[in-house]
Protein backbone atom coordinates (compact mmCIF):
# COMPACT_ATOMS: atom_id res chain seq x y z
CA MET A 1 7.06 13.81 3.45
CA PRO A 2 3.79 14.14 5.13
CA LEU A 3 1.28 11.27 4.82
CA ILE A 4 -1.93 12.17 3.40
CA GLN A 5 -5.10 9.96 3.14
CA SER A 6 -6.78 9.95 0.07
CA SER A 7 -9.43 7.06 -1.04
CA TYR A 8 -8.44 5.26 -4.47
CA ALA A 9 -10.98 6.74 -5.92
CA MET A 10 -9.56 10.35 -5.47
CA ILE A 11 -6.36 9.39 -6.76
CA ALA A 12 -6.45 6.64 -9.15
CA ASP A 13 -5.60 9.05 -12.64
CA ARG A 14 -2.57 10.50 -10.55
CA ILE A 15 -1.06 7.08 -9.78
CA ARG A 16 2.29 6.61 -11.95
CA PRO A 17 4.92 3.67 -12.29
CA GLY A 18 6.91 3.73 -9.53
CA ASP A 19 4.91 5.51 -7.21
CA VAL A 20 4.96 3.86 -3.26
CA ILE A 21 1.56 3.34 -2.02
CA ALA A 22 1.30 3.00 1.71
CA PHE A 23 -1.68 1.16 2.89
CA SER A 24 -3.62 1.27 6.26
CA GLY A 25 -5.43 -2.02 6.17
CA THR A 26 -8.34 -3.45 8.77
CA GLY A 27 -7.88 -6.96 9.31
CA TRP A 28 -6.26 -7.81 13.02
CA PHE A 29 -2.69 -8.26 11.28
CA SER A 30 -2.56 -4.90 9.98
CA SER A 31 -3.53 -3.45 13.51
CA ILE A 32 -0.94 -5.41 15.39
CA ILE A 33 1.51 -3.71 12.51
CA LYS A 34 0.11 -0.66 12.76
CA ARG A 35 0.60 -0.88 17.15
CA VAL A 36 4.09 -2.37 16.99
CA THR A 37 5.26 0.73 14.52
CA ARG A 38 3.20 3.05 15.41
CA SER A 39 2.21 4.19 12.57
CA ALA A 40 -1.16 4.76 10.30
CA VAL A 41 0.42 2.54 7.99
CA SER A 42 0.50 -1.35 7.85
CA HIS A 43 2.31 -2.15 4.53
CA ASN A 44 3.27 -0.57 0.89
CA GLY A 45 3.50 -1.30 -2.43
CA VAL A 46 4.80 -0.15 -5.61
CA ALA A 47 2.90 1.23 -8.48
CA PHE A 48 3.91 -1.29 -11.42
CA SER A 49 1.65 -0.46 -14.78
CA PRO A 50 -1.41 1.72 -15.23
CA GLY A 51 -3.66 -0.59 -12.29
CA GLN A 52 -1.11 -2.97 -11.18
CA LEU A 53 0.54 -3.29 -7.84
CA LEU A 54 3.71 -5.10 -7.07
CA GLU A 55 3.62 -5.88 -3.08
CA SER A 56 5.46 -8.37 -1.02
CA THR A 57 2.77 -10.84 0.74
CA SER A 58 5.09 -12.65 3.10
CA PRO A 59 9.24 -12.95 3.40
CA SER A 60 9.41 -14.81 0.30
CA ARG A 61 6.75 -13.70 -2.11
CA VAL A 62 6.12 -10.92 -4.22
CA HIS A 63 2.83 -10.65 -5.81
CA LEU A 64 1.79 -8.26 -9.10
CA GLY A 65 -2.21 -7.94 -8.52
CA PRO A 66 -5.21 -5.38 -9.49
CA LEU A 67 -4.61 -2.31 -7.59
């Protein structure tokens, strides 16, 4: 499946629980991840419920927060 880049505002009303959302972070650590993996994506998360995202924020922590 091709990577389609969109802003959150453009897709917010189409996000459903279970959707996988890929992010292209702009921080220094995200830049390292993208360079090492040769990818446009630095991390991803799963839409949990309307407006909430489930994502791993470290090897031992999962965070549920706002999308």
